[in-house]
Amino acid sequence: MKEISVQELKQMMDEKKDFQLIDVRETYEYEVSHIGGELIPMGEVMANLDKISKDRMVVVHCRSGGRSGTIVSVLESMGYDNVFNLKGGILAWIAEIDPTLSAY
């Protein structure tokens, strides 16, 4: 499984790179704090494959990296070669990039 760090994601955001950010947490988690990703809860990913780009880099994240890692592995097994797990999830983002967001 391919992964990127929160520092790499922040740099991509700052440089306005063309990529898709998908948040696979639940709606209530997204409402607590988010980093602007498209919300597709883990249980809804398979029904929303048409929303996941095959043409550009896709970064998937969750709270700590576990759920998103599972989704990245599933997508890779389906032929997606452009998906990356955000190492440490939003908790790493809060710890290393933006401590003003609410951790839960």
N, C-alpha and C. Protein backbone atom coordinates (compact mmCIF):
# COMPACT_ATOMS: atom_id res chain seq x y z
N MET A 1 0.85 -1.19 0.00
CA MET A 1 0.00 0.00 0.00
C MET A 1 0.88 1.24 0.00
N LYS A 2 0.52 2.19 -0.86
CA LYS A 2 1.26 3.44 -0.92
C LYS A 2 0.69 4.40 0.12
N GLU A 3 1.59 5.14 0.76
CA GLU A 3 1.18 6.11 1.78
C GLU A 3 1.88 7.43 1.54
N ILE A 4 1.25 8.50 2.05
CA ILE A 4 1.92 9.79 2.09
C ILE A 4 1.79 10.34 3.51
N SER A 5 2.69 11.21 3.85
CA SER A 5 2.68 11.83 5.18
C SER A 5 1.80 13.08 5.16
N VAL A 6 1.45 13.55 6.35
CA VAL A 6 0.66 14.78 6.43
C VAL A 6 1.46 15.97 5.90
N GLN A 7 2.78 15.94 6.06
CA GLN A 7 3.61 17.02 5.53
C GLN A 7 3.55 17.05 3.99
N GLU A 8 3.57 15.85 3.37
CA GLU A 8 3.47 15.77 1.92
C GLU A 8 2.11 16.26 1.44
N LEU A 9 1.05 15.88 2.17
CA LEU A 9 -0.29 16.34 1.81
C LEU A 9 -0.40 17.85 1.93
N LYS A 10 0.13 18.41 3.00
CA LYS A 10 0.09 19.87 3.20
C LYS A 10 0.82 20.58 2.07
N GLN A 11 1.96 20.04 1.65
CA GLN A 11 2.72 20.64 0.55
C GLN A 11 1.89 20.59 -0.74
N MET A 12 1.24 19.46 -1.00
CA MET A 12 0.40 19.33 -2.19
C MET A 12 -0.73 20.36 -2.16
N MET A 13 -1.33 20.56 -0.99
CA MET A 13 -2.40 21.55 -0.85
C MET A 13 -1.87 22.95 -1.08
N ASP A 14 -0.73 23.26 -0.47
CA ASP A 14 -0.14 24.59 -0.60
C ASP A 14 0.22 24.90 -2.05
N GLU A 15 0.67 23.86 -2.78
CA GLU A 15 1.07 24.04 -4.17
C GLU A 15 -0.12 23.89 -5.13
N LYS A 16 -1.31 23.68 -4.56
CA LYS A 16 -2.54 23.54 -5.35
C LYS A 16 -2.42 22.46 -6.42
N LYS A 17 -1.81 21.35 -6.02
CA LYS A 17 -1.68 20.19 -6.92
C LYS A 17 -3.06 19.64 -7.22
N ASP A 18 -3.19 18.99 -8.36
CA ASP A 18 -4.45 18.39 -8.77
C ASP A 18 -4.53 16.97 -8.21
N PHE A 19 -5.31 16.80 -7.16
CA PHE A 19 -5.51 15.48 -6.56
C PHE A 19 -6.88 15.46 -5.92
N GLN A 20 -7.33 14.27 -5.58
CA GLN A 20 -8.61 14.10 -4.90
C GLN A 20 -8.35 13.63 -3.48
N LEU A 21 -9.00 14.27 -2.52
CA LEU A 21 -8.89 13.90 -1.11
C LEU A 21 -10.22 13.32 -0.67
N ILE A 22 -10.19 12.08 -0.21
CA ILE A 22 -11.41 11.40 0.22
C ILE A 22 -11.31 11.08 1.70
N ASP A 23 -12.34 11.44 2.44
CA ASP A 23 -12.46 11.20 3.87
C ASP A 23 -13.45 10.04 4.05
N VAL A 24 -12.98 8.92 4.61
CA VAL A 24 -13.85 7.74 4.75
C VAL A 24 -14.41 7.58 6.17
N ARG A 25 -14.33 8.66 6.95
CA ARG A 25 -14.92 8.60 8.29
C ARG A 25 -16.44 8.76 8.20
N GLU A 26 -17.09 8.64 9.32
CA GLU A 26 -18.54 8.81 9.38
C GLU A 26 -18.89 10.30 9.41
N THR A 27 -20.13 10.61 9.07
CA THR A 27 -20.59 12.00 9.02
C THR A 27 -20.35 12.73 10.33
N TYR A 28 -20.66 12.08 11.46
CA TYR A 28 -20.48 12.74 12.76
C TYR A 28 -19.01 13.07 13.02
N GLU A 29 -18.09 12.25 12.53
CA GLU A 29 -16.66 12.52 12.71
C GLU A 29 -16.25 13.72 11.85
N TYR A 30 -16.75 13.74 10.63
CA TYR A 30 -16.45 14.84 9.70
C TYR A 30 -16.92 16.17 10.29
N GLU A 31 -18.08 16.14 10.96
CA GLU A 31 -18.63 17.36 11.55
C GLU A 31 -17.78 17.87 12.71
N VAL A 32 -17.04 16.99 13.39
CA VAL A 32 -16.16 17.41 14.49
C VAL A 32 -14.97 18.17 13.94
N SER A 33 -14.33 17.63 12.91
CA SER A 33 -13.22 18.30 12.25
C SER A 33 -12.95 17.63 10.92
N HIS A 34 -12.50 18.44 9.98
CA HIS A 34 -12.15 17.89 8.66
C HIS A 34 -11.11 18.78 8.01
N ILE A 35 -10.50 18.23 6.96
CA ILE A 35 -9.45 18.98 6.25
C ILE A 35 -9.86 19.22 4.79
N GLY A 36 -11.16 19.19 4.55
CA GLY A 36 -11.66 19.57 3.25
C GLY A 36 -11.84 18.45 2.25
N GLY A 37 -11.68 17.21 2.69
CA GLY A 37 -11.87 16.10 1.77
C GLY A 37 -13.33 15.85 1.44
N GLU A 38 -13.55 15.08 0.39
CA GLU A 38 -14.89 14.67 0.00
C GLU A 38 -15.30 13.52 0.91
N LEU A 39 -16.41 13.66 1.59
CA LEU A 39 -16.86 12.64 2.54
C LEU A 39 -17.54 11.50 1.80
N ILE A 40 -16.92 10.31 1.88
CA ILE A 40 -17.53 9.06 1.41
C ILE A 40 -17.27 8.04 2.53
N PRO A 41 -18.21 7.90 3.47
CA PRO A 41 -17.98 6.97 4.59
C PRO A 41 -17.57 5.58 4.11
N MET A 42 -16.74 4.92 4.89
CA MET A 42 -16.17 3.64 4.52
C MET A 42 -17.21 2.66 3.98
N GLY A 43 -18.35 2.58 4.65
CA GLY A 43 -19.38 1.64 4.24
C GLY A 43 -20.08 2.00 2.94
N GLU A 44 -19.80 3.20 2.43
CA GLU A 44 -20.45 3.65 1.20
C GLU A 44 -19.50 3.72 0.01
N VAL A 45 -18.23 3.37 0.23
CA VAL A 45 -17.23 3.51 -0.83
C VAL A 45 -17.58 2.63 -2.04
N MET A 46 -17.95 1.39 -1.82
CA MET A 46 -18.20 0.48 -2.95
C MET A 46 -19.37 0.97 -3.80
N ALA A 47 -20.34 1.62 -3.20
CA ALA A 47 -21.49 2.15 -3.95
C ALA A 47 -21.16 3.47 -4.63
N ASN A 48 -19.98 4.02 -4.35
CA ASN A 48 -19.60 5.33 -4.90
C ASN A 48 -18.29 5.28 -5.67
N LEU A 49 -17.96 4.14 -6.23
CA LEU A 49 -16.71 4.02 -6.98
C LEU A 49 -16.63 5.01 -8.13
N ASP A 50 -17.78 5.38 -8.68
CA ASP A 50 -17.80 6.33 -9.79
C ASP A 50 -17.32 7.72 -9.37
N LYS A 51 -17.28 7.98 -8.07
CA LYS A 51 -16.81 9.28 -7.57
C LYS A 51 -15.30 9.30 -7.33
N ILE A 52 -14.66 8.14 -7.43
CA ILE A 52 -13.22 8.05 -7.14
C ILE A 52 -12.44 8.09 -8.45
N SER A 53 -11.59 9.08 -8.58
CA SER A 53 -10.84 9.31 -9.81
C SER A 53 -9.87 8.17 -10.10
N LYS A 54 -9.76 7.83 -11.36
CA LYS A 54 -8.73 6.88 -11.81
C LYS A 54 -7.64 7.62 -12.59
N ASP A 55 -7.88 8.93 -12.82
CA ASP A 55 -6.99 9.71 -13.68
C ASP A 55 -6.03 10.63 -12.93
N ARG A 56 -6.23 10.79 -11.64
CA ARG A 56 -5.34 11.66 -10.87
C ARG A 56 -5.09 11.03 -9.51
N MET A 57 -4.14 11.56 -8.80
CA MET A 57 -3.80 11.03 -7.49
C MET A 57 -4.99 11.14 -6.54
N VAL A 58 -5.22 10.08 -5.77
CA VAL A 58 -6.29 10.06 -4.78
C VAL A 58 -5.67 9.77 -3.42
N VAL A 59 -5.92 10.65 -2.45
CA VAL A 59 -5.46 10.46 -1.07
C VAL A 59 -6.68 10.14 -0.23
N VAL A 60 -6.62 9.03 0.49
CA VAL A 60 -7.73 8.59 1.33
C VAL A 60 -7.30 8.73 2.78
N HIS A 61 -8.20 9.29 3.61
CA HIS A 61 -7.85 9.41 5.02
C HIS A 61 -9.04 9.10 5.91
N CYS A 62 -8.71 8.79 7.16
CA CYS A 62 -9.71 8.55 8.20
C CYS A 62 -9.18 9.19 9.48
N ARG A 63 -9.53 8.63 10.62
CA ARG A 63 -9.09 9.21 11.89
C ARG A 63 -7.60 8.95 12.13
N SER A 64 -7.19 7.68 11.98
CA SER A 64 -5.80 7.35 12.31
C SER A 64 -5.06 6.57 11.22
N GLY A 65 -5.73 6.25 10.14
CA GLY A 65 -5.07 5.56 9.03
C GLY A 65 -5.50 4.12 8.82
N GLY A 66 -6.24 3.54 9.76
CA GLY A 66 -6.65 2.15 9.65
C GLY A 66 -7.73 1.91 8.61
N ARG A 67 -8.83 2.62 8.75
CA ARG A 67 -9.94 2.44 7.79
C ARG A 67 -9.52 2.85 6.39
N SER A 68 -8.82 3.97 6.29
CA SER A 68 -8.39 4.42 4.96
C SER A 68 -7.39 3.43 4.35
N GLY A 69 -6.55 2.83 5.18
CA GLY A 69 -5.63 1.81 4.69
C GLY A 69 -6.37 0.61 4.11
N THR A 70 -7.44 0.21 4.77
CA THR A 70 -8.26 -0.89 4.27
C THR A 70 -8.87 -0.53 2.92
N ILE A 71 -9.40 0.69 2.82
CA ILE A 71 -10.01 1.14 1.57
C ILE A 71 -8.97 1.21 0.46
N VAL A 72 -7.79 1.74 0.76
CA VAL A 72 -6.73 1.81 -0.25
C VAL A 72 -6.38 0.40 -0.74
N SER A 73 -6.25 -0.55 0.17
CA SER A 73 -5.93 -1.93 -0.22
C SER A 73 -7.01 -2.52 -1.12
N VAL A 74 -8.27 -2.28 -0.78
CA VAL A 74 -9.38 -2.79 -1.59
C VAL A 74 -9.35 -2.15 -2.98
N LEU A 75 -9.16 -0.84 -3.02
CA LEU A 75 -9.12 -0.15 -4.32
C LEU A 75 -7.94 -0.64 -5.16
N GLU A 76 -6.79 -0.86 -4.52
CA GLU A 76 -5.63 -1.38 -5.25
C GLU A 76 -5.94 -2.75 -5.83
N SER A 77 -6.65 -3.59 -5.07
CA SER A 77 -6.99 -4.93 -5.56
C SER A 77 -7.97 -4.87 -6.73
N MET A 78 -8.63 -3.74 -6.89
CA MET A 78 -9.58 -3.54 -7.98
C MET A 78 -8.94 -2.84 -9.18
N GLY A 79 -7.64 -2.62 -9.11
CA GLY A 79 -6.93 -2.03 -10.24
C GLY A 79 -6.59 -0.56 -10.13
N TYR A 80 -6.99 0.08 -9.05
CA TYR A 80 -6.59 1.48 -8.85
C TYR A 80 -5.10 1.51 -8.50
N ASP A 81 -4.32 2.25 -9.27
CA ASP A 81 -2.89 2.35 -8.97
C ASP A 81 -2.50 3.77 -8.57
N ASN A 82 -3.52 4.59 -8.30
CA ASN A 82 -3.31 6.01 -8.02
C ASN A 82 -3.79 6.40 -6.62
N VAL A 83 -3.98 5.42 -5.74
CA VAL A 83 -4.53 5.70 -4.40
C VAL A 83 -3.44 5.61 -3.34
N PHE A 84 -3.52 6.55 -2.38
CA PHE A 84 -2.53 6.64 -1.30
C PHE A 84 -3.26 6.79 0.02
N ASN A 85 -2.75 6.13 1.04
CA ASN A 85 -3.27 6.26 2.40
C ASN A 85 -2.55 7.42 3.09
N LEU A 86 -3.30 8.25 3.82
CA LEU A 86 -2.68 9.30 4.62
C LEU A 86 -2.21 8.69 5.93
N LYS A 87 -0.91 8.60 6.08
CA LYS A 87 -0.31 8.00 7.27
C LYS A 87 -0.71 8.76 8.53
N GLY A 88 -1.35 8.06 9.46
CA GLY A 88 -1.73 8.67 10.74
C GLY A 88 -3.06 9.40 10.72
N GLY A 89 -3.66 9.55 9.53
CA GLY A 89 -4.98 10.15 9.41
C GLY A 89 -5.07 11.58 9.93
N ILE A 90 -6.30 11.97 10.24
CA ILE A 90 -6.53 13.35 10.69
C ILE A 90 -5.88 13.62 12.05
N LEU A 91 -5.67 12.57 12.84
CA LEU A 91 -4.99 12.78 14.13
C LEU A 91 -3.55 13.25 13.91
N ALA A 92 -2.88 12.69 12.91
CA ALA A 92 -1.52 13.13 12.58
C ALA A 92 -1.56 14.56 12.03
N TRP A 93 -2.58 14.86 11.24
CA TRP A 93 -2.73 16.22 10.70
C TRP A 93 -2.87 17.22 11.85
N ILE A 94 -3.71 16.89 12.82
CA ILE A 94 -3.92 17.77 13.98
C ILE A 94 -2.62 17.92 14.78
N ALA A 95 -1.92 16.81 14.99
CA ALA A 95 -0.68 16.84 15.80
C ALA A 95 0.44 17.59 15.12
N GLU A 96 0.55 17.45 13.78
CA GLU A 96 1.72 17.97 13.09
C GLU A 96 1.47 19.22 12.23
N ILE A 97 0.22 19.45 11.84
CA ILE A 97 -0.06 20.56 10.91
C ILE A 97 -0.97 21.61 11.52
N ASP A 98 -2.10 21.20 12.06
CA ASP A 98 -3.11 22.18 12.51
C ASP A 98 -3.72 21.78 13.86
N PRO A 99 -3.05 22.15 14.95
CA PRO A 99 -3.57 21.80 16.29
C PRO A 99 -4.83 22.54 16.68
N THR A 100 -5.31 23.47 15.84
CA THR A 100 -6.55 24.17 16.17
C THR A 100 -7.78 23.32 15.86
N LEU A 101 -7.61 22.26 15.07
CA LEU A 101 -8.74 21.36 14.79
C LEU A 101 -9.02 20.51 16.02
N SER A 102 -10.27 20.09 16.16
CA SER A 102 -10.66 19.27 17.30
C SER A 102 -10.30 17.80 17.10
N ALA A 103 -9.57 17.26 18.05
CA ALA A 103 -9.28 15.82 18.05
C ALA A 103 -10.40 15.15 18.82
N TYR A 104 -10.62 13.91 18.53
CA TYR A 104 -11.69 13.17 19.21
C TYR A 104 -11.27 11.75 19.42
